[in-house]
Amino acid sequence: MVYHQAGTADVVKDYVIKRTGTNWTFELDEKDGIVIDMRLMGNVFYDFFETAGMFFTSRLSKEKNDLFFELMGGMKSDYRLTTTGSSEVTNVYSYPPAFVQRVQLKKLKK
């Protein structure tokens, strides 16, 4: 995968997705020491991770002959805590998404 942004050098990432046991457990190996657990549900890979005080979730899906990658995330510190008023207290932390990016990945002809 090549990340391109005008005015900067391209960044090439050679990710590897491999099965880790069951039919639905996989990992994304960034080949730099970072490994992210993934789940295959239907024809979509999902993951959820946290780094540098932010949360991220992504999905990678195949639609016809194209791959689509979507990344969403936000700040872990930007949360709302609500609590039930019943005798069994339940705390719920909600984190508003701060961004979403969706790209269509195409295989380049050499």
PDB file of N, CA and C in Angstrom:
ATOM      1  N   MET A   1       0.855  -1.158   0.000  1.00  0.00           N
ATOM      2  CA  MET A   1       0.000   0.000   0.000  1.00  0.00           C
ATOM      3  C   MET A   1       0.908   1.229   0.000  1.00  0.00           C
ATOM      4  N   VAL A   2       0.580   2.197  -0.822  1.00  0.00           N
ATOM      5  CA  VAL A   2       1.362   3.430  -0.902  1.00  0.00           C
ATOM      6  C   VAL A   2       0.486   4.588  -0.440  1.00  0.00           C
ATOM      7  N   TYR A   3       0.958   5.303   0.574  1.00  0.00           N
ATOM      8  CA  TYR A   3       0.270   6.496   1.054  1.00  0.00           C
ATOM      9  C   TYR A   3       0.864   7.696   0.334  1.00  0.00           C
ATOM     10  N   HIS A   4       0.016   8.455  -0.323  1.00  0.00           N
ATOM     11  CA  HIS A   4       0.478   9.605  -1.092  1.00  0.00           C
ATOM     12  C   HIS A   4      -0.218  10.862  -0.594  1.00  0.00           C
ATOM     13  N   GLN A   5       0.573  11.890  -0.319  1.00  0.00           N
ATOM     14  CA  GLN A   5       0.048  13.200   0.047  1.00  0.00           C
ATOM     15  C   GLN A   5       0.868  14.233  -0.706  1.00  0.00           C
ATOM     16  N   ALA A   6       0.183  15.139  -1.374  1.00  0.00           N
ATOM     17  CA  ALA A   6       0.869  16.164  -2.160  1.00  0.00           C
ATOM     18  C   ALA A   6       1.891  16.899  -1.300  1.00  0.00           C
ATOM     19  N   GLY A   7       3.067  17.093  -1.854  1.00  0.00           N
ATOM     20  CA  GLY A   7       4.107  17.846  -1.163  1.00  0.00           C
ATOM     21  C   GLY A   7       4.971  17.021  -0.227  1.00  0.00           C
ATOM     22  N   THR A   8       4.684  15.727  -0.084  1.00  0.00           N
ATOM     23  CA  THR A   8       5.497  14.870   0.778  1.00  0.00           C
ATOM     24  C   THR A   8       5.901  13.621   0.006  1.00  0.00           C
ATOM     25  N   ALA A   9       6.902  12.947   0.516  1.00  0.00           N
ATOM     26  CA  ALA A   9       7.343  11.699  -0.114  1.00  0.00           C
ATOM     27  C   ALA A   9       6.319  10.600   0.153  1.00  0.00           C
ATOM     28  N   ASP A  10       6.120   9.726  -0.824  1.00  0.00           N
ATOM     29  CA  ASP A  10       5.216   8.593  -0.641  1.00  0.00           C
ATOM     30  C   ASP A  10       5.752   7.680   0.459  1.00  0.00           C
ATOM     31  N   VAL A  11       4.832   7.088   1.208  1.00  0.00           N
ATOM     32  CA  VAL A  11       5.179   6.111   2.237  1.00  0.00           C
ATOM     33  C   VAL A  11       4.644   4.762   1.778  1.00  0.00           C
ATOM     34  N   VAL A  12       5.530   3.790   1.670  1.00  0.00           N
ATOM     35  CA  VAL A  12       5.131   2.454   1.225  1.00  0.00           C
ATOM     36  C   VAL A  12       5.012   1.547   2.443  1.00  0.00           C
ATOM     37  N   LYS A  13       3.860   0.893   2.584  1.00  0.00           N
ATOM     38  CA  LYS A  13       3.624  -0.064   3.666  1.00  0.00           C
ATOM     39  C   LYS A  13       3.339  -1.417   3.042  1.00  0.00           C
ATOM     40  N   ASP A  14       4.043  -2.421   3.483  1.00  0.00           N
ATOM     41  CA  ASP A  14       3.888  -3.768   2.946  1.00  0.00           C
ATOM     42  C   ASP A  14       3.240  -4.645   4.014  1.00  0.00           C
ATOM     43  N   TYR A  15       1.954  -4.434   4.260  1.00  0.00           N
ATOM     44  CA  TYR A  15       1.227  -5.149   5.302  1.00  0.00           C
ATOM     45  C   TYR A  15       1.025  -6.610   4.934  1.00  0.00           C
ATOM     46  N   VAL A  16       0.927  -7.452   5.956  1.00  0.00           N
ATOM     47  CA  VAL A  16       0.599  -8.860   5.769  1.00  0.00           C
ATOM     48  C   VAL A  16      -0.567  -9.192   6.687  1.00  0.00           C
ATOM     49  N   ILE A  17      -1.629  -9.776   6.118  1.00  0.00           N
ATOM     50  CA  ILE A  17      -2.756 -10.256   6.918  1.00  0.00           C
ATOM     51  C   ILE A  17      -2.678 -11.773   6.923  1.00  0.00           C
ATOM     52  N   LYS A  18      -2.652 -12.360   8.140  1.00  0.00           N
ATOM     53  CA  LYS A  18      -2.568 -13.817   8.200  1.00  0.00           C
ATOM     54  C   LYS A  18      -3.519 -14.378   9.247  1.00  0.00           C
ATOM     55  N   ARG A  19      -3.998 -15.583   8.972  1.00  0.00           N
ATOM     56  CA  ARG A  19      -4.899 -16.294   9.882  1.00  0.00           C
ATOM     57  C   ARG A  19      -4.116 -16.700  11.126  1.00  0.00           C
ATOM     58  N   THR A  20      -4.747 -16.602  12.297  1.00  0.00           N
ATOM     59  CA  THR A  20      -4.044 -16.915  13.542  1.00  0.00           C
ATOM     60  C   THR A  20      -4.653 -18.075  14.308  1.00  0.00           C
ATOM     61  N   GLY A  21      -5.545 -18.800  13.728  1.00  0.00           N
ATOM     62  CA  GLY A  21      -6.108 -19.941  14.449  1.00  0.00           C
ATOM     63  C   GLY A  21      -7.431 -20.378  13.871  1.00  0.00           C
ATOM     64  N   THR A  22      -8.479 -19.670  14.204  1.00  0.00           N
ATOM     65  CA  THR A  22      -9.801 -20.053  13.726  1.00  0.00           C
ATOM     66  C   THR A  22     -10.067 -19.442  12.358  1.00  0.00           C
ATOM     67  N   ASN A  23     -11.236 -19.739  11.831  1.00  0.00           N
ATOM     68  CA  ASN A  23     -11.605 -19.202  10.517  1.00  0.00           C
ATOM     69  C   ASN A  23     -11.813 -17.697  10.529  1.00  0.00           C
ATOM     70  N   TRP A  24     -11.997 -17.093  11.695  1.00  0.00           N
ATOM     71  CA  TRP A  24     -12.322 -15.664  11.731  1.00  0.00           C
ATOM     72  C   TRP A  24     -11.284 -14.820  12.463  1.00  0.00           C
ATOM     73  N   THR A  25     -10.218 -15.420  12.996  1.00  0.00           N
ATOM     74  CA  THR A  25      -9.204 -14.632  13.693  1.00  0.00           C
ATOM     75  C   THR A  25      -7.973 -14.450  12.806  1.00  0.00           C
ATOM     76  N   PHE A  26      -7.580 -13.211  12.659  1.00  0.00           N
ATOM     77  CA  PHE A  26      -6.449 -12.845  11.810  1.00  0.00           C
ATOM     78  C   PHE A  26      -5.628 -11.787  12.521  1.00  0.00           C
ATOM     79  N   GLU A  27      -4.470 -11.482  11.972  1.00  0.00           N
ATOM     80  CA  GLU A  27      -3.687 -10.353  12.456  1.00  0.00           C
ATOM     81  C   GLU A  27      -3.104  -9.609  11.266  1.00  0.00           C
ATOM     82  N   LEU A  28      -3.005  -8.304  11.453  1.00  0.00           N
ATOM     83  CA  LEU A  28      -2.371  -7.431  10.476  1.00  0.00           C
ATOM     84  C   LEU A  28      -0.966  -7.150  10.991  1.00  0.00           C
ATOM     85  N   ASP A  29       0.021  -7.609  10.271  1.00  0.00           N
ATOM     86  CA  ASP A  29       1.417  -7.399  10.642  1.00  0.00           C
ATOM     87  C   ASP A  29       1.950  -6.247   9.804  1.00  0.00           C
ATOM     88  N   GLU A  30       2.319  -5.152  10.474  1.00  0.00           N
ATOM     89  CA  GLU A  30       2.842  -3.988   9.761  1.00  0.00           C
ATOM     90  C   GLU A  30       4.322  -4.150   9.417  1.00  0.00           C
ATOM     91  N   LYS A  31       4.916  -5.269   9.832  1.00  0.00           N
ATOM     92  CA  LYS A  31       6.304  -5.617   9.531  1.00  0.00           C
ATOM     93  C   LYS A  31       7.307  -4.619  10.093  1.00  0.00           C
ATOM     94  N   ASP A  32       6.886  -3.942  11.177  1.00  0.00           N
ATOM     95  CA  ASP A  32       7.799  -3.040  11.881  1.00  0.00           C
ATOM     96  C   ASP A  32       7.706  -3.260  13.392  1.00  0.00           C
ATOM     97  N   GLY A  33       7.125  -4.406  13.792  1.00  0.00           N
ATOM     98  CA  GLY A  33       6.920  -4.708  15.205  1.00  0.00           C
ATOM     99  C   GLY A  33       5.478  -4.537  15.645  1.00  0.00           C
ATOM    100  N   ILE A  34       4.669  -3.820  14.881  1.00  0.00           N
ATOM    101  CA  ILE A  34       3.264  -3.585  15.219  1.00  0.00           C
ATOM    102  C   ILE A  34       2.408  -4.694  14.614  1.00  0.00           C
ATOM    103  N   VAL A  35       1.591  -5.344  15.461  1.00  0.00           N
ATOM    104  CA  VAL A  35       0.653  -6.377  15.026  1.00  0.00           C
ATOM    105  C   VAL A  35      -0.709  -6.030  15.607  1.00  0.00           C
ATOM    106  N   ILE A  36      -1.739  -6.016  14.764  1.00  0.00           N
ATOM    107  CA  ILE A  36      -3.094  -5.645  15.177  1.00  0.00           C
ATOM    108  C   ILE A  36      -4.016  -6.835  14.947  1.00  0.00           C
ATOM    109  N   ASP A  37      -4.737  -7.249  15.993  1.00  0.00           N
ATOM    110  CA  ASP A  37      -5.694  -8.347  15.878  1.00  0.00           C
ATOM    111  C   ASP A  37      -6.882  -7.919  15.038  1.00  0.00           C
ATOM    112  N   MET A  38      -7.341  -8.843  14.192  1.00  0.00           N
ATOM    113  CA  MET A  38      -8.476  -8.564  13.304  1.00  0.00           C
ATOM    114  C   MET A  38      -9.471  -9.717  13.390  1.00  0.00           C
ATOM    115  N   ARG A  39     -10.711  -9.430  13.029  1.00  0.00           N
ATOM    116  CA  ARG A  39     -11.745 -10.456  12.912  1.00  0.00           C
ATOM    117  C   ARG A  39     -12.359 -10.358  11.527  1.00  0.00           C
ATOM    118  N   LEU A  40     -12.604 -11.514  10.923  1.00  0.00           N
ATOM    119  CA  LEU A  40     -13.285 -11.574   9.640  1.00  0.00           C
ATOM    120  C   LEU A  40     -14.738 -11.927   9.905  1.00  0.00           C
ATOM    121  N   MET A  41     -15.636 -11.015   9.547  1.00  0.00           N
ATOM    122  CA  MET A  41     -17.072 -11.232   9.710  1.00  0.00           C
ATOM    123  C   MET A  41     -17.721 -10.962   8.366  1.00  0.00           C
ATOM    124  N   GLY A  42     -18.309 -12.010   7.780  1.00  0.00           N
ATOM    125  CA  GLY A  42     -18.795 -11.879   6.412  1.00  0.00           C
ATOM    126  C   GLY A  42     -17.590 -11.732   5.502  1.00  0.00           C
ATOM    127  N   ASN A  43     -17.583 -10.707   4.686  1.00  0.00           N
ATOM    128  CA  ASN A  43     -16.420 -10.465   3.821  1.00  0.00           C
ATOM    129  C   ASN A  43     -15.672  -9.203   4.253  1.00  0.00           C
ATOM    130  N   VAL A  44     -15.728  -8.887   5.556  1.00  0.00           N
ATOM    131  CA  VAL A  44     -15.118  -7.660   6.071  1.00  0.00           C
ATOM    132  C   VAL A  44     -14.179  -7.991   7.231  1.00  0.00           C
ATOM    133  N   PHE A  45     -12.970  -7.446   7.188  1.00  0.00           N
ATOM    134  CA  PHE A  45     -12.044  -7.495   8.314  1.00  0.00           C
ATOM    135  C   PHE A  45     -12.305  -6.279   9.200  1.00  0.00           C
ATOM    136  N   TYR A  46     -12.380  -6.496  10.521  1.00  0.00           N
ATOM    137  CA  TYR A  46     -12.575  -5.418  11.489  1.00  0.00           C
ATOM    138  C   TYR A  46     -11.447  -5.451  12.506  1.00  0.00           C
ATOM    139  N   ASP A  47     -11.066  -4.265  12.997  1.00  0.00           N
ATOM    140  CA  ASP A  47     -10.135  -4.191  14.118  1.00  0.00           C
ATOM    141  C   ASP A  47     -10.469  -2.977  14.977  1.00  0.00           C
ATOM    142  N   PHE A  48      -9.903  -2.966  16.171  1.00  0.00           N
ATOM    143  CA  PHE A  48     -10.083  -1.853  17.105  1.00  0.00           C
ATOM    144  C   PHE A  48      -8.802  -1.774  17.914  1.00  0.00           C
ATOM    145  N   PHE A  49      -8.189  -0.575  17.969  1.00  0.00           N
ATOM    146  CA  PHE A  49      -6.938  -0.440  18.703  1.00  0.00           C
ATOM    147  C   PHE A  49      -6.786   0.983  19.223  1.00  0.00           C
ATOM    148  N   GLU A  50      -5.797   1.144  20.098  1.00  0.00           N
ATOM    149  CA  GLU A  50      -5.541   2.444  20.720  1.00  0.00           C
ATOM    150  C   GLU A  50      -4.049   2.715  20.657  1.00  0.00           C
ATOM    151  N   THR A  51      -3.703   3.957  20.350  1.00  0.00           N
ATOM    152  CA  THR A  51      -2.312   4.385  20.381  1.00  0.00           C
ATOM    153  C   THR A  51      -2.260   5.900  20.541  1.00  0.00           C
ATOM    154  N   ALA A  52      -1.263   6.365  21.248  1.00  0.00           N
ATOM    155  CA  ALA A  52      -1.016   7.804  21.409  1.00  0.00           C
ATOM    156  C   ALA A  52      -2.244   8.555  21.907  1.00  0.00           C
ATOM    157  N   GLY A  53      -3.001   7.932  22.824  1.00  0.00           N
ATOM    158  CA  GLY A  53      -4.165   8.603  23.399  1.00  0.00           C
ATOM    159  C   GLY A  53      -5.372   8.672  22.488  1.00  0.00           C
ATOM    160  N   MET A  54      -5.345   7.918  21.397  1.00  0.00           N
ATOM    161  CA  MET A  54      -6.468   7.911  20.461  1.00  0.00           C
ATOM    162  C   MET A  54      -6.960   6.482  20.268  1.00  0.00           C
ATOM    163  N   PHE A  55      -8.256   6.344  19.939  1.00  0.00           N
ATOM    164  CA  PHE A  55      -8.804   5.045  19.577  1.00  0.00           C
ATOM    165  C   PHE A  55      -9.041   5.036  18.073  1.00  0.00           C
ATOM    166  N   PHE A  56      -8.932   3.857  17.502  1.00  0.00           N
ATOM    167  CA  PHE A  56      -9.140   3.676  16.070  1.00  0.00           C
ATOM    168  C   PHE A  56      -9.922   2.394  15.843  1.00  0.00           C
ATOM    169  N   THR A  57     -10.756   2.397  14.847  1.00  0.00           N
ATOM    170  CA  THR A  57     -11.376   1.177  14.363  1.00  0.00           C
ATOM    171  C   THR A  57     -11.334   1.239  12.846  1.00  0.00           C
ATOM    172  N   SER A  58     -11.092   0.093  12.247  1.00  0.00           N
ATOM    173  CA  SER A  58     -11.041   0.095  10.787  1.00  0.00           C
ATOM    174  C   SER A  58     -11.747  -1.129  10.242  1.00  0.00           C
ATOM    175  N   ARG A  59     -12.061  -1.031   8.968  1.00  0.00           N
ATOM    176  CA  ARG A  59     -12.668  -2.152   8.246  1.00  0.00           C
ATOM    177  C   ARG A  59     -12.054  -2.209   6.860  1.00  0.00           C
ATOM    178  N   LEU A  60     -11.851  -3.412   6.398  1.00  0.00           N
ATOM    179  CA  LEU A  60     -11.304  -3.656   5.073  1.00  0.00           C
ATOM    180  C   LEU A  60     -12.237  -4.643   4.396  1.00  0.00           C
ATOM    181  N   SER A  61     -12.822  -4.232   3.273  1.00  0.00           N
ATOM    182  CA  SER A  61     -13.813  -5.086   2.616  1.00  0.00           C
ATOM    183  C   SER A  61     -13.530  -5.185   1.125  1.00  0.00           C
ATOM    184  N   LYS A  62     -13.962  -6.301   0.562  1.00  0.00           N
ATOM    185  CA  LYS A  62     -13.856  -6.501  -0.882  1.00  0.00           C
ATOM    186  C   LYS A  62     -15.244  -6.346  -1.473  1.00  0.00           C
ATOM    187  N   GLU A  63     -15.364  -5.460  -2.456  1.00  0.00           N
ATOM    188  CA  GLU A  63     -16.621  -5.237  -3.160  1.00  0.00           C
ATOM    189  C   GLU A  63     -16.327  -5.369  -4.648  1.00  0.00           C
ATOM    190  N   LYS A  64     -16.819  -6.442  -5.233  1.00  0.00           N
ATOM    191  CA  LYS A  64     -16.509  -6.804  -6.621  1.00  0.00           C
ATOM    192  C   LYS A  64     -14.997  -6.982  -6.740  1.00  0.00           C
ATOM    193  N   ASN A  65     -14.314  -6.195  -7.567  1.00  0.00           N
ATOM    194  CA  ASN A  65     -12.870  -6.356  -7.741  1.00  0.00           C
ATOM    195  C   ASN A  65     -12.048  -5.322  -6.984  1.00  0.00           C
ATOM    196  N   ASP A  66     -12.688  -4.549  -6.124  1.00  0.00           N
ATOM    197  CA  ASP A  66     -11.989  -3.480  -5.413  1.00  0.00           C
ATOM    198  C   ASP A  66     -11.954  -3.747  -3.913  1.00  0.00           C
ATOM    199  N   LEU A  67     -10.949  -3.194  -3.262  1.00  0.00           N
ATOM    200  CA  LEU A  67     -10.862  -3.204  -1.808  1.00  0.00           C
ATOM    201  C   LEU A  67     -11.191  -1.814  -1.301  1.00  0.00           C
ATOM    202  N   PHE A  68     -11.924  -1.758  -0.199  1.00  0.00           N
ATOM    203  CA  PHE A  68     -12.250  -0.493   0.444  1.00  0.00           C
ATOM    204  C   PHE A  68     -11.736  -0.543   1.870  1.00  0.00           C
ATOM    205  N   PHE A  69     -11.047   0.526   2.266  1.00  0.00           N
ATOM    206  CA  PHE A  69     -10.505   0.634   3.617  1.00  0.00           C
ATOM    207  C   PHE A  69     -11.128   1.849   4.275  1.00  0.00           C
ATOM    208  N   GLU A  70     -11.640   1.660   5.484  1.00  0.00           N
ATOM    209  CA  GLU A  70     -12.247   2.766   6.226  1.00  0.00           C
ATOM    210  C   GLU A  70     -11.624   2.807   7.614  1.00  0.00           C
ATOM    211  N   LEU A  71     -11.212   3.988   8.035  1.00  0.00           N
ATOM    212  CA  LEU A  71     -10.595   4.201   9.338  1.00  0.00           C
ATOM    213  C   LEU A  71     -11.356   5.296  10.058  1.00  0.00           C
ATOM    214  N   MET A  72     -11.720   5.035  11.314  1.00  0.00           N
ATOM    215  CA  MET A  72     -12.422   6.024  12.130  1.00  0.00           C
ATOM    216  C   MET A  72     -11.718   6.088  13.476  1.00  0.00           C
ATOM    217  N   GLY A  73     -11.714   7.261  14.082  1.00  0.00           N
ATOM    218  CA  GLY A  73     -11.068   7.370  15.380  1.00  0.00           C
ATOM    219  C   GLY A  73     -11.373   8.668  16.084  1.00  0.00           C
ATOM    220  N   GLY A  74     -10.802   8.780  17.267  1.00  0.00           N
ATOM    221  CA  GLY A  74     -10.989   9.978  18.074  1.00  0.00           C
ATOM    222  C   GLY A  74     -10.109   9.917  19.311  1.00  0.00           C
ATOM    223  N   MET A  75     -10.225  10.928  20.131  1.00  0.00           N
ATOM    224  CA  MET A  75      -9.417  11.038  21.342  1.00  0.00           C
ATOM    225  C   MET A  75     -10.023  10.208  22.471  1.00  0.00           C
ATOM    226  N   LYS A  76      -9.187   9.424  23.163  1.00  0.00           N
ATOM    227  CA  LYS A  76      -9.675   8.670  24.318  1.00  0.00           C
ATOM    228  C   LYS A  76     -10.104   9.599  25.446  1.00  0.00           C
ATOM    229  N   SER A  77      -9.483  10.764  25.531  1.00  0.00           N
ATOM    230  CA  SER A  77      -9.792  11.701  26.618  1.00  0.00           C
ATOM    231  C   SER A  77     -11.100  12.447  26.391  1.00  0.00           C
ATOM    232  N   ASP A  78     -11.642  12.375  25.186  1.00  0.00           N
ATOM    233  CA  ASP A  78     -12.885  13.080  24.845  1.00  0.00           C
ATOM    234  C   ASP A  78     -14.060  12.108  24.976  1.00  0.00           C
ATOM    235  N   TYR A  79     -14.463  11.850  26.211  1.00  0.00           N
ATOM    236  CA  TYR A  79     -15.531  10.882  26.431  1.00  0.00           C
ATOM    237  C   TYR A  79     -16.632  11.470  27.303  1.00  0.00           C
ATOM    238  N   ARG A  80     -17.772  10.798  27.269  1.00  0.00           N
ATOM    239  CA  ARG A  80     -18.874  11.134  28.166  1.00  0.00           C
ATOM    240  C   ARG A  80     -19.170   9.894  29.001  1.00  0.00           C
ATOM    241  N   LEU A  81     -19.314  10.081  30.303  1.00  0.00           N
ATOM    242  CA  LEU A  81     -19.671   8.997  31.206  1.00  0.00           C
ATOM    243  C   LEU A  81     -21.117   9.179  31.632  1.00  0.00           C
ATOM    244  N   THR A  82     -21.937   8.180  31.385  1.00  0.00           N
ATOM    245  CA  THR A  82     -23.310   8.182  31.889  1.00  0.00           C
ATOM    246  C   THR A  82     -23.503   6.923  32.722  1.00  0.00           C
ATOM    247  N   THR A  83     -24.427   7.001  33.667  1.00  0.00           N
ATOM    248  CA  THR A  83     -24.637   5.923  34.626  1.00  0.00           C
ATOM    249  C   THR A  83     -26.120   5.664  34.792  1.00  0.00           C
ATOM    250  N   THR A  84     -26.466   4.387  34.924  1.00  0.00           N
ATOM    251  CA  THR A  84     -27.865   4.049  35.189  1.00  0.00           C
ATOM    252  C   THR A  84     -28.241   4.492  36.591  1.00  0.00           C
ATOM    253  N   GLY A  85     -29.521   4.733  36.798  1.00  0.00           N
ATOM    254  CA  GLY A  85     -29.995   5.140  38.116  1.00  0.00           C
ATOM    255  C   GLY A  85     -30.534   3.980  38.924  1.00  0.00           C
ATOM    256  N   SER A  86     -30.388   2.757  38.406  1.00  0.00           N
ATOM    257  CA  SER A  86     -30.938   1.591  39.098  1.00  0.00           C
ATOM    258  C   SER A  86     -30.013   1.129  40.212  1.00  0.00           C
ATOM    259  N   SER A  87     -30.449   0.102  40.939  1.00  0.00           N
ATOM    260  CA  SER A  87     -29.658  -0.413  42.055  1.00  0.00           C
ATOM    261  C   SER A  87     -28.358  -1.062  41.569  1.00  0.00           C
ATOM    262  N   GLU A  88     -28.374  -1.633  40.368  1.00  0.00           N
ATOM    263  CA  GLU A  88     -27.149  -2.163  39.774  1.00  0.00           C
ATOM    264  C   GLU A  88     -26.572  -1.091  38.854  1.00  0.00           C
ATOM    265  N   VAL A  89     -25.566  -0.407  39.322  1.00  0.00           N
ATOM    266  CA  VAL A  89     -24.996   0.715  38.578  1.00  0.00           C
ATOM    267  C   VAL A  89     -24.227   0.206  37.359  1.00  0.00           C
ATOM    268  N   THR A  90     -24.522   0.785  36.220  1.00  0.00           N
ATOM    269  CA  THR A  90     -23.794   0.500  34.992  1.00  0.00           C
ATOM    270  C   THR A  90     -23.222   1.804  34.462  1.00  0.00           C
ATOM    271  N   ASN A  91     -21.913   1.842  34.309  1.00  0.00           N
ATOM    272  CA  ASN A  91     -21.253   3.004  33.717  1.00  0.00           C
ATOM    273  C   ASN A  91     -21.061   2.762  32.228  1.00  0.00           C
ATOM    274  N   VAL A  92     -21.357   3.771  31.426  1.00  0.00           N
ATOM    275  CA  VAL A  92     -21.131   3.693  29.983  1.00  0.00           C
ATOM    276  C   VAL A  92     -20.275   4.886  29.575  1.00  0.00           C
ATOM    277  N   TYR A  93     -19.139   4.581  28.962  1.00  0.00           N
ATOM    278  CA  TYR A  93     -18.256   5.611  28.427  1.00  0.00           C
ATOM    279  C   TYR A  93     -18.489   5.671  26.921  1.00  0.00           C
ATOM    280  N   SER A  94     -18.833   6.829  26.412  1.00  0.00           N
ATOM    281  CA  SER A  94     -18.998   6.975  24.964  1.00  0.00           C
ATOM    282  C   SER A  94     -17.931   7.934  24.440  1.00  0.00           C
ATOM    283  N   TYR A  95     -17.415   7.591  23.273  1.00  0.00           N
ATOM    284  CA  TYR A  95     -16.319   8.336  22.657  1.00  0.00           C
ATOM    285  C   TYR A  95     -16.770   8.820  21.284  1.00  0.00           C
ATOM    286  N   PRO A  96     -16.940  10.124  21.106  1.00  0.00           N
ATOM    287  CA  PRO A  96     -17.391  10.606  19.799  1.00  0.00           C
ATOM    288  C   PRO A  96     -16.275  10.490  18.756  1.00  0.00           C
ATOM    289  N   PRO A  97     -16.597   9.960  17.588  1.00  0.00           N
ATOM    290  CA  PRO A  97     -15.597   9.917  16.524  1.00  0.00           C
ATOM    291  C   PRO A  97     -15.186  11.331  16.114  1.00  0.00           C
ATOM    292  N   ALA A  98     -13.899  11.513  15.856  1.00  0.00           N
ATOM    293  CA  ALA A  98     -13.385  12.817  15.440  1.00  0.00           C
ATOM    294  C   ALA A  98     -13.108  12.867  13.939  1.00  0.00           C
ATOM    295  N   PHE A  99     -12.949  11.693  13.330  1.00  0.00           N
ATOM    296  CA  PHE A  99     -12.679  11.671  11.889  1.00  0.00           C
ATOM    297  C   PHE A  99     -13.076  10.317  11.319  1.00  0.00           C
ATOM    298  N   VAL A 100     -13.281  10.305  10.030  1.00  0.00           N
ATOM    299  CA  VAL A 100     -13.463   9.061   9.284  1.00  0.00           C
ATOM    300  C   VAL A 100     -12.808   9.255   7.919  1.00  0.00           C
ATOM    301  N   GLN A 101     -12.090   8.241   7.478  1.00  0.00           N
ATOM    302  CA  GLN A 101     -11.446   8.268   6.167  1.00  0.00           C
ATOM    303  C   GLN A 101     -11.852   6.996   5.437  1.00  0.00           C
ATOM    304  N   ARG A 102     -12.206   7.117   4.181  1.00  0.00           N
ATOM    305  CA  ARG A 102     -12.567   5.944   3.381  1.00  0.00           C
ATOM    306  C   ARG A 102     -11.853   6.048   2.042  1.00  0.00           C
ATOM    307  N   VAL A 103     -11.173   4.977   1.693  1.00  0.00           N
ATOM    308  CA  VAL A 103     -10.448   4.966   0.427  1.00  0.00           C
ATOM    309  C   VAL A 103     -10.763   3.695  -0.350  1.00  0.00           C
ATOM    310  N   GLN A 104     -10.706   3.828  -1.651  1.00  0.00           N
ATOM    311  CA  GLN A 104     -10.837   2.685  -2.544  1.00  0.00           C
ATOM    312  C   GLN A 104      -9.429   2.312  -2.982  1.00  0.00           C
ATOM    313  N   LEU A 105      -9.043   1.074  -2.747  1.00  0.00           N
ATOM    314  CA  LEU A 105      -7.707   0.615  -3.086  1.00  0.00           C
ATOM    315  C   LEU A 105      -7.742  -0.087  -4.432  1.00  0.00           C
ATOM    316  N   LYS A 106      -6.823   0.292  -5.283  1.00  0.00           N
ATOM    317  CA  LYS A 106      -6.753  -0.309  -6.618  1.00  0.00           C
ATOM    318  C   LYS A 106      -5.358  -0.870  -6.842  1.00  0.00           C
ATOM    319  N   LYS A 107      -5.317  -1.993  -7.492  1.00  0.00           N
ATOM    320  CA  LYS A 107      -4.038  -2.602  -7.836  1.00  0.00           C
ATOM    321  C   LYS A 107      -3.433  -1.831  -8.998  1.00  0.00           C
ATOM    322  N   LEU A 108      -2.174  -1.436  -8.849  1.00  0.00           N
ATOM    323  CA  LEU A 108      -1.484  -0.703  -9.906  1.00  0.00           C
ATOM    324  C   LEU A 108      -0.839  -1.672 -10.877  1.00  0.00           C
ATOM    325  N   LYS A 109      -0.936  -1.352 -12.150  1.00  0.00           N
ATOM    326  CA  LYS A 109      -0.263  -2.155 -13.168  1.00  0.00           C
ATOM    327  C   LYS A 109       1.175  -1.692 -13.263  1.00  0.00           C
ATOM    328  N   LYS A 110       2.078  -2.641 -13.334  1.00  0.00           N
ATOM    329  CA  LYS A 110       3.503  -2.289 -13.410  1.00  0.00           C
ATOM    330  C   LYS A 110       3.957  -2.204 -14.830  1.00  0.00           C
TER     331      LYS A 110
END
